[in-house]
Amino acid sequence: MTLRERKRLRTRQAILTAATDLFERHGYTETTLDDIAAAAEISKRAIFSYFASKEDLLFPESDARIGAAIDAIAARQPGDGPVQVLLRAMTTSTQESDDLTGRRAALRLRLMRTVPAVRGRALQHQFDAQREIARHLAAVFPADLSPISAAALTGAFIGAVTGVLDLFFEEQEPPQDPVELRATLLRVTQMALTPWLDTSSGERDLSSDI
């Protein structure tokens, strides 16, 4: 990266760190963008160069996860089916970042239960992710998935991940061993998607279900 890109990355991370700290200590509603700007030692206006809204501070990598899923679909290996590429995308995302499994994830899920604005933004991100990923799955696996079954599979995948993490973080703190959490998340999500798999061929024709 160039010096300018590294500086922007450091500023972005400073904003996220400040926001997470303040949301945890003072609460989401009580924390203002002015508070976050002061803690990050930037102007309030500068925050909007990185994030469109206060809610987006809790979802900094949602677009990146959609991109990872699309990349995994495009880079599928011979013999891979839709479930395999989705699980690979999740594995890659959780290995490269703790946004799904770390401190911010625990905070985000807790606020989704109590703050309507955060819950609404989470639902919007999930809806956008489901539509985009399902569209690519249906295009790449036309023999296995219709547009409807691709949407159903993607919804099952996103729902399984969200449900598992919500239970993990119900006690408000992330598990101490991130490797164990990632392994459990993969195992349980794969178990949830078992009905979409065929034990003999690896993947069954999902379009026949519609």
C-alpha atoms as a PDB file:
ATOM      1  CA  MET A   1       0.000   0.000   0.000  1.00  0.00           C
ATOM      2  CA  THR A   2       1.020   3.588  -0.522  1.00  0.00           C
ATOM      3  CA  LEU A   3       1.705   5.902   2.408  1.00  0.00           C
ATOM      4  CA  ARG A   4      -1.666   7.575   1.825  1.00  0.00           C
ATOM      5  CA  GLU A   5      -3.468   4.219   1.869  1.00  0.00           C
ATOM      6  CA  ARG A   6      -1.713   3.177   5.074  1.00  0.00           C
ATOM      7  CA  LYS A   7      -2.663   6.466   6.705  1.00  0.00           C
ATOM      8  CA  ARG A   8      -6.307   6.018   5.717  1.00  0.00           C
ATOM      9  CA  LEU A   9      -6.273   2.473   7.071  1.00  0.00           C
ATOM     10  CA  ARG A  10      -4.844   3.670  10.405  1.00  0.00           C
ATOM     11  CA  THR A  11      -7.442   6.429  10.653  1.00  0.00           C
ATOM     12  CA  ARG A  12     -10.254   4.028   9.833  1.00  0.00           C
ATOM     13  CA  GLN A  13      -9.050   1.626  12.512  1.00  0.00           C
ATOM     14  CA  ALA A  14      -8.753   4.467  15.042  1.00  0.00           C
ATOM     15  CA  ILE A  15     -12.375   5.406  14.386  1.00  0.00           C
ATOM     16  CA  LEU A  16     -13.546   1.811  14.829  1.00  0.00           C
ATOM     17  CA  THR A  17     -11.529   1.326  18.010  1.00  0.00           C
ATOM     18  CA  ALA A  18     -12.835   4.560  19.505  1.00  0.00           C
ATOM     19  CA  ALA A  19     -16.429   3.726  18.591  1.00  0.00           C
ATOM     20  CA  THR A  20     -16.224   0.211  20.026  1.00  0.00           C
ATOM     21  CA  ASP A  21     -14.664   1.464  23.266  1.00  0.00           C
ATOM     22  CA  LEU A  22     -17.262   4.195  23.736  1.00  0.00           C
ATOM     23  CA  PHE A  23     -20.234   2.007  22.820  1.00  0.00           C
ATOM     24  CA  GLU A  24     -19.092  -0.554  25.391  1.00  0.00           C
ATOM     25  CA  ARG A  25     -18.409   1.965  28.155  1.00  0.00           C
ATOM     26  CA  HIS A  26     -21.225   4.474  27.683  1.00  0.00           C
ATOM     27  CA  GLY A  27     -23.797   2.772  25.488  1.00  0.00           C
ATOM     28  CA  TYR A  28     -24.695   3.167  21.829  1.00  0.00           C
ATOM     29  CA  THR A  29     -27.404   5.796  22.208  1.00  0.00           C
ATOM     30  CA  GLU A  30     -25.396   7.844  24.691  1.00  0.00           C
ATOM     31  CA  THR A  31     -22.303   7.980  22.463  1.00  0.00           C
ATOM     32  CA  THR A  32     -22.258  10.722  19.842  1.00  0.00           C
ATOM     33  CA  LEU A  33     -20.210  11.078  16.697  1.00  0.00           C
ATOM     34  CA  ASP A  34     -18.540  14.077  18.349  1.00  0.00           C
ATOM     35  CA  ASP A  35     -17.423  11.759  21.166  1.00  0.00           C
ATOM     36  CA  ILE A  36     -16.014   9.270  18.681  1.00  0.00           C
ATOM     37  CA  ALA A  37     -14.237  11.966  16.685  1.00  0.00           C
ATOM     38  CA  ALA A  38     -12.624  13.358  19.823  1.00  0.00           C
ATOM     39  CA  ALA A  39     -11.454   9.923  20.944  1.00  0.00           C
ATOM     40  CA  ALA A  40     -10.033   9.170  17.495  1.00  0.00           C
ATOM     41  CA  GLU A  41      -8.451  12.664  17.331  1.00  0.00           C
ATOM     42  CA  ILE A  42     -10.113  13.599  14.073  1.00  0.00           C
ATOM     43  CA  SER A  43     -12.958  15.885  13.059  1.00  0.00           C
ATOM     44  CA  LYS A  44     -16.548  14.715  13.074  1.00  0.00           C
ATOM     45  CA  ARG A  45     -16.700  15.496   9.370  1.00  0.00           C
ATOM     46  CA  ALA A  46     -13.770  13.161   8.722  1.00  0.00           C
ATOM     47  CA  ILE A  47     -15.763  10.196  10.032  1.00  0.00           C
ATOM     48  CA  PHE A  48     -18.094  10.493   7.054  1.00  0.00           C
ATOM     49  CA  SER A  49     -15.148   9.948   4.727  1.00  0.00           C
ATOM     50  CA  TYR A  50     -15.076   6.396   6.049  1.00  0.00           C
ATOM     51  CA  PHE A  51     -18.571   5.580   7.300  1.00  0.00           C
ATOM     52  CA  ALA A  52     -21.945   6.801   6.106  1.00  0.00           C
ATOM     53  CA  SER A  53     -23.654   6.643   9.495  1.00  0.00           C
ATOM     54  CA  LYS A  54     -23.206   5.839  13.160  1.00  0.00           C
ATOM     55  CA  GLU A  55     -24.781   2.410  12.620  1.00  0.00           C
ATOM     56  CA  ASP A  56     -22.194   1.546   9.973  1.00  0.00           C
ATOM     57  CA  LEU A  57     -19.466   1.740  12.616  1.00  0.00           C
ATOM     58  CA  LEU A  58     -20.774  -1.616  13.842  1.00  0.00           C
ATOM     59  CA  PHE A  59     -20.732  -3.228  10.380  1.00  0.00           C
ATOM     60  CA  PRO A  60     -17.350  -2.259   8.907  1.00  0.00           C
ATOM     61  CA  GLU A  61     -16.731  -5.511   7.027  1.00  0.00           C
ATOM     62  CA  SER A  62     -20.157  -6.500   5.759  1.00  0.00           C
ATOM     63  CA  ASP A  63     -19.296  -5.612   2.170  1.00  0.00           C
ATOM     64  CA  ALA A  64     -15.968  -7.423   2.469  1.00  0.00           C
ATOM     65  CA  ARG A  65     -17.732 -10.618   3.543  1.00  0.00           C
ATOM     66  CA  ILE A  66     -20.060 -10.421   0.554  1.00  0.00           C
ATOM     67  CA  GLY A  67     -16.987  -9.930  -1.627  1.00  0.00           C
ATOM     68  CA  ALA A  68     -15.296 -12.947  -0.036  1.00  0.00           C
ATOM     69  CA  ALA A  69     -18.326 -15.106  -0.782  1.00  0.00           C
ATOM     70  CA  ILE A  70     -18.456 -13.930  -4.389  1.00  0.00           C
ATOM     71  CA  ASP A  71     -14.713 -14.557  -4.774  1.00  0.00           C
ATOM     72  CA  ALA A  72     -15.117 -18.070  -3.349  1.00  0.00           C
ATOM     73  CA  ILE A  73     -17.923 -18.780  -5.803  1.00  0.00           C
ATOM     74  CA  ALA A  74     -15.817 -17.526  -8.718  1.00  0.00           C
ATOM     75  CA  ALA A  75     -12.766 -19.522  -7.572  1.00  0.00           C
ATOM     76  CA  ARG A  76     -14.674 -22.763  -6.962  1.00  0.00           C
ATOM     77  CA  GLN A  77     -12.665 -25.939  -7.356  1.00  0.00           C
ATOM     78  CA  PRO A  78     -13.651 -28.950  -9.474  1.00  0.00           C
ATOM     79  CA  GLY A  79     -16.240 -30.936  -7.587  1.00  0.00           C
ATOM     80  CA  ASP A  80     -17.261 -28.048  -5.359  1.00  0.00           C
ATOM     81  CA  GLY A  81     -20.955 -27.430  -4.861  1.00  0.00           C
ATOM     82  CA  PRO A  82     -22.756 -24.368  -3.495  1.00  0.00           C
ATOM     83  CA  VAL A  83     -22.451 -25.434   0.146  1.00  0.00           C
ATOM     84  CA  GLN A  84     -18.711 -26.040  -0.141  1.00  0.00           C
ATOM     85  CA  VAL A  85     -17.996 -22.581  -1.534  1.00  0.00           C
ATOM     86  CA  LEU A  86     -20.144 -20.890   1.113  1.00  0.00           C
ATOM     87  CA  LEU A  87     -18.351 -22.716   3.930  1.00  0.00           C
ATOM     88  CA  ARG A  88     -14.977 -21.891   2.378  1.00  0.00           C
ATOM     89  CA  ALA A  89     -15.913 -18.216   2.187  1.00  0.00           C
ATOM     90  CA  MET A  90     -16.901 -18.211   5.860  1.00  0.00           C
ATOM     91  CA  THR A  91     -13.670 -19.958   6.842  1.00  0.00           C
ATOM     92  CA  THR A  92     -11.578 -17.447   4.909  1.00  0.00           C
ATOM     93  CA  SER A  93     -13.431 -14.470   6.386  1.00  0.00           C
ATOM     94  CA  THR A  94     -13.083 -15.655   9.984  1.00  0.00           C
ATOM     95  CA  GLN A  95      -9.389 -16.448   9.526  1.00  0.00           C
ATOM     96  CA  GLU A  96      -8.582 -13.049   8.037  1.00  0.00           C
ATOM     97  CA  SER A  97     -10.620 -10.955  10.471  1.00  0.00           C
ATOM     98  CA  ASP A  98     -12.306 -11.232  13.864  1.00  0.00           C
ATOM     99  CA  ASP A  99     -15.230  -9.013  12.838  1.00  0.00           C
ATOM    100  CA  LEU A 100     -17.570 -12.019  12.994  1.00  0.00           C
ATOM    101  CA  THR A 101     -16.097 -13.676  16.056  1.00  0.00           C
ATOM    102  CA  GLY A 102     -14.405 -11.053  18.213  1.00  0.00           C
ATOM    103  CA  ARG A 103     -15.146  -8.170  20.508  1.00  0.00           C
ATOM    104  CA  ARG A 104     -17.065  -6.052  17.997  1.00  0.00           C
ATOM    105  CA  ALA A 105     -19.216  -9.020  17.012  1.00  0.00           C
ATOM    106  CA  ALA A 106     -20.276  -9.539  20.626  1.00  0.00           C
ATOM    107  CA  LEU A 107     -21.104  -5.841  20.975  1.00  0.00           C
ATOM    108  CA  ARG A 108     -22.965  -5.744  17.667  1.00  0.00           C
ATOM    109  CA  LEU A 109     -25.181  -8.715  18.508  1.00  0.00           C
ATOM    110  CA  ARG A 110     -25.931  -7.306  21.935  1.00  0.00           C
ATOM    111  CA  LEU A 111     -26.975  -3.966  20.443  1.00  0.00           C
ATOM    112  CA  MET A 112     -29.060  -5.679  17.774  1.00  0.00           C
ATOM    113  CA  ARG A 113     -31.250  -6.992  20.591  1.00  0.00           C
ATOM    114  CA  THR A 114     -31.776  -3.598  22.212  1.00  0.00           C
ATOM    115  CA  VAL A 115     -31.321  -0.794  19.645  1.00  0.00           C
ATOM    116  CA  PRO A 116     -33.882  -0.652  16.794  1.00  0.00           C
ATOM    117  CA  ALA A 117     -31.591   1.357  14.505  1.00  0.00           C
ATOM    118  CA  VAL A 118     -28.814  -1.221  14.813  1.00  0.00           C
ATOM    119  CA  ARG A 119     -31.235  -4.100  14.328  1.00  0.00           C
ATOM    120  CA  GLY A 120     -32.631  -2.411  11.222  1.00  0.00           C
ATOM    121  CA  ARG A 121     -29.178  -1.904   9.731  1.00  0.00           C
ATOM    122  CA  ALA A 122     -28.283  -5.529  10.471  1.00  0.00           C
ATOM    123  CA  LEU A 123     -31.390  -6.753   8.668  1.00  0.00           C
ATOM    124  CA  GLN A 124     -30.574  -4.530   5.695  1.00  0.00           C
ATOM    125  CA  HIS A 125     -27.044  -5.919   5.494  1.00  0.00           C
ATOM    126  CA  GLN A 126     -28.343  -9.487   5.721  1.00  0.00           C
ATOM    127  CA  PHE A 127     -30.913  -8.826   3.010  1.00  0.00           C
ATOM    128  CA  ASP A 128     -28.294  -7.279   0.712  1.00  0.00           C
ATOM    129  CA  ALA A 129     -25.887 -10.150   1.343  1.00  0.00           C
ATOM    130  CA  GLN A 130     -28.512 -12.797   0.687  1.00  0.00           C
ATOM    131  CA  ARG A 131     -29.619 -11.256  -2.608  1.00  0.00           C
ATOM    132  CA  GLU A 132     -26.090 -10.708  -3.928  1.00  0.00           C
ATOM    133  CA  ILE A 133     -24.681 -14.091  -2.919  1.00  0.00           C
ATOM    134  CA  ALA A 134     -27.756 -15.974  -4.111  1.00  0.00           C
ATOM    135  CA  ARG A 135     -27.586 -14.238  -7.480  1.00  0.00           C
ATOM    136  CA  HIS A 136     -23.994 -15.376  -7.997  1.00  0.00           C
ATOM    137  CA  LEU A 137     -24.707 -18.910  -6.802  1.00  0.00           C
ATOM    138  CA  ALA A 138     -27.599 -19.306  -9.224  1.00  0.00           C
ATOM    139  CA  ALA A 139     -25.468 -17.980 -12.094  1.00  0.00           C
ATOM    140  CA  VAL A 140     -22.510 -20.267 -11.394  1.00  0.00           C
ATOM    141  CA  PHE A 141     -24.469 -23.412 -10.446  1.00  0.00           C
ATOM    142  CA  PRO A 142     -27.398 -23.352 -12.900  1.00  0.00           C
ATOM    143  CA  ALA A 143     -27.621 -27.152 -12.952  1.00  0.00           C
ATOM    144  CA  ASP A 144     -27.892 -27.330  -9.164  1.00  0.00           C
ATOM    145  CA  LEU A 145     -29.785 -24.207  -8.175  1.00  0.00           C
ATOM    146  CA  SER A 146     -32.725 -22.219  -9.414  1.00  0.00           C
ATOM    147  CA  PRO A 147     -32.894 -18.558  -8.335  1.00  0.00           C
ATOM    148  CA  ILE A 148     -35.432 -19.546  -5.676  1.00  0.00           C
ATOM    149  CA  SER A 149     -33.425 -22.433  -4.240  1.00  0.00           C
ATOM    150  CA  ALA A 150     -30.251 -20.311  -4.332  1.00  0.00           C
ATOM    151  CA  ALA A 151     -32.043 -17.707  -2.203  1.00  0.00           C
ATOM    152  CA  ALA A 152     -33.236 -20.411   0.184  1.00  0.00           C
ATOM    153  CA  LEU A 153     -29.761 -21.909   0.568  1.00  0.00           C
ATOM    154  CA  THR A 154     -28.152 -18.519   1.134  1.00  0.00           C
ATOM    155  CA  GLY A 155     -30.814 -17.615   3.674  1.00  0.00           C
ATOM    156  CA  ALA A 156     -30.198 -20.892   5.527  1.00  0.00           C
ATOM    157  CA  PHE A 157     -26.463 -20.226   5.523  1.00  0.00           C
ATOM    158  CA  ILE A 158     -26.708 -16.653   6.816  1.00  0.00           C
ATOM    159  CA  GLY A 159     -29.348 -17.642   9.352  1.00  0.00           C
ATOM    160  CA  ALA A 160     -27.207 -20.492  10.680  1.00  0.00           C
ATOM    161  CA  VAL A 161     -24.148 -18.279  11.127  1.00  0.00           C
ATOM    162  CA  THR A 162     -26.152 -15.522  12.816  1.00  0.00           C
ATOM    163  CA  GLY A 163     -27.954 -17.947  15.105  1.00  0.00           C
ATOM    164  CA  VAL A 164     -24.777 -19.687  16.238  1.00  0.00           C
ATOM    165  CA  LEU A 165     -22.964 -16.418  16.980  1.00  0.00           C
ATOM    166  CA  ASP A 166     -25.968 -15.003  18.811  1.00  0.00           C
ATOM    167  CA  LEU A 167     -25.924 -17.972  21.188  1.00  0.00           C
ATOM    168  CA  PHE A 168     -22.166 -17.792  21.630  1.00  0.00           C
ATOM    169  CA  PHE A 169     -22.299 -14.125  22.573  1.00  0.00           C
ATOM    170  CA  GLU A 170     -25.420 -14.289  24.706  1.00  0.00           C
ATOM    171  CA  GLU A 171     -23.263 -13.836  27.789  1.00  0.00           C
ATOM    172  CA  GLN A 172     -21.961 -10.549  26.268  1.00  0.00           C
ATOM    173  CA  GLU A 173     -18.324 -11.660  26.021  1.00  0.00           C
ATOM    174  CA  PRO A 174     -16.610 -13.459  23.139  1.00  0.00           C
ATOM    175  CA  PRO A 175     -15.157 -16.896  23.904  1.00  0.00           C
ATOM    176  CA  GLN A 176     -11.533 -16.809  24.980  1.00  0.00           C
ATOM    177  CA  ASP A 177     -10.291 -19.161  22.248  1.00  0.00           C
ATOM    178  CA  PRO A 178     -11.022 -17.701  18.784  1.00  0.00           C
ATOM    179  CA  VAL A 179      -9.695 -20.823  17.042  1.00  0.00           C
ATOM    180  CA  GLU A 180     -12.176 -22.963  18.940  1.00  0.00           C
ATOM    181  CA  LEU A 181     -14.996 -20.566  18.090  1.00  0.00           C
ATOM    182  CA  ARG A 182     -14.145 -20.626  14.379  1.00  0.00           C
ATOM    183  CA  ALA A 183     -14.007 -24.422  14.391  1.00  0.00           C
ATOM    184  CA  THR A 184     -17.327 -24.689  16.201  1.00  0.00           C
ATOM    185  CA  LEU A 185     -18.944 -22.137  13.901  1.00  0.00           C
ATOM    186  CA  LEU A 186     -17.837 -24.099  10.838  1.00  0.00           C
ATOM    187  CA  ARG A 187     -18.940 -27.424  12.293  1.00  0.00           C
ATOM    188  CA  VAL A 188     -22.372 -26.249  13.404  1.00  0.00           C
ATOM    189  CA  THR A 189     -23.039 -24.295  10.197  1.00  0.00           C
ATOM    190  CA  GLN A 190     -22.085 -27.327   8.129  1.00  0.00           C
ATOM    191  CA  MET A 191     -24.425 -29.422  10.264  1.00  0.00           C
ATOM    192  CA  ALA A 192     -27.252 -26.926   9.670  1.00  0.00           C
ATOM    193  CA  LEU A 193     -26.701 -27.202   5.911  1.00  0.00           C
ATOM    194  CA  THR A 194     -26.593 -31.016   5.912  1.00  0.00           C
ATOM    195  CA  PRO A 195     -30.076 -31.292   4.309  1.00  0.00           C
ATOM    196  CA  TRP A 196     -28.616 -29.515   1.274  1.00  0.00           C
ATOM    197  CA  LEU A 197     -25.895 -32.118   0.880  1.00  0.00           C
ATOM    198  CA  ASP A 198     -26.036 -35.601  -0.624  1.00  0.00           C
ATOM    199  CA  THR A 199     -23.857 -38.190   1.056  1.00  0.00           C
ATOM    200  CA  SER A 200     -23.088 -39.988  -2.189  1.00  0.00           C
ATOM    201  CA  SER A 201     -22.283 -37.192  -4.615  1.00  0.00           C
ATOM    202  CA  GLY A 202     -21.488 -34.307  -2.271  1.00  0.00           C
ATOM    203  CA  GLU A 203     -24.367 -32.131  -3.404  1.00  0.00           C
ATOM    204  CA  ARG A 204     -27.841 -32.905  -4.621  1.00  0.00           C
ATOM    205  CA  ASP A 205     -29.924 -31.157  -7.263  1.00  0.00           C
ATOM    206  CA  LEU A 206     -31.535 -28.394  -5.252  1.00  0.00           C
ATOM    207  CA  SER A 207     -33.604 -27.015  -8.112  1.00  0.00           C
ATOM    208  CA  SER A 208     -35.728 -30.176  -8.075  1.00  0.00           C
ATOM    209  CA  ASP A 209     -37.096 -29.126  -4.673  1.00  0.00           C
ATOM    210  CA  ILE A 210     -38.912 -26.095  -6.114  1.00  0.00           C
END
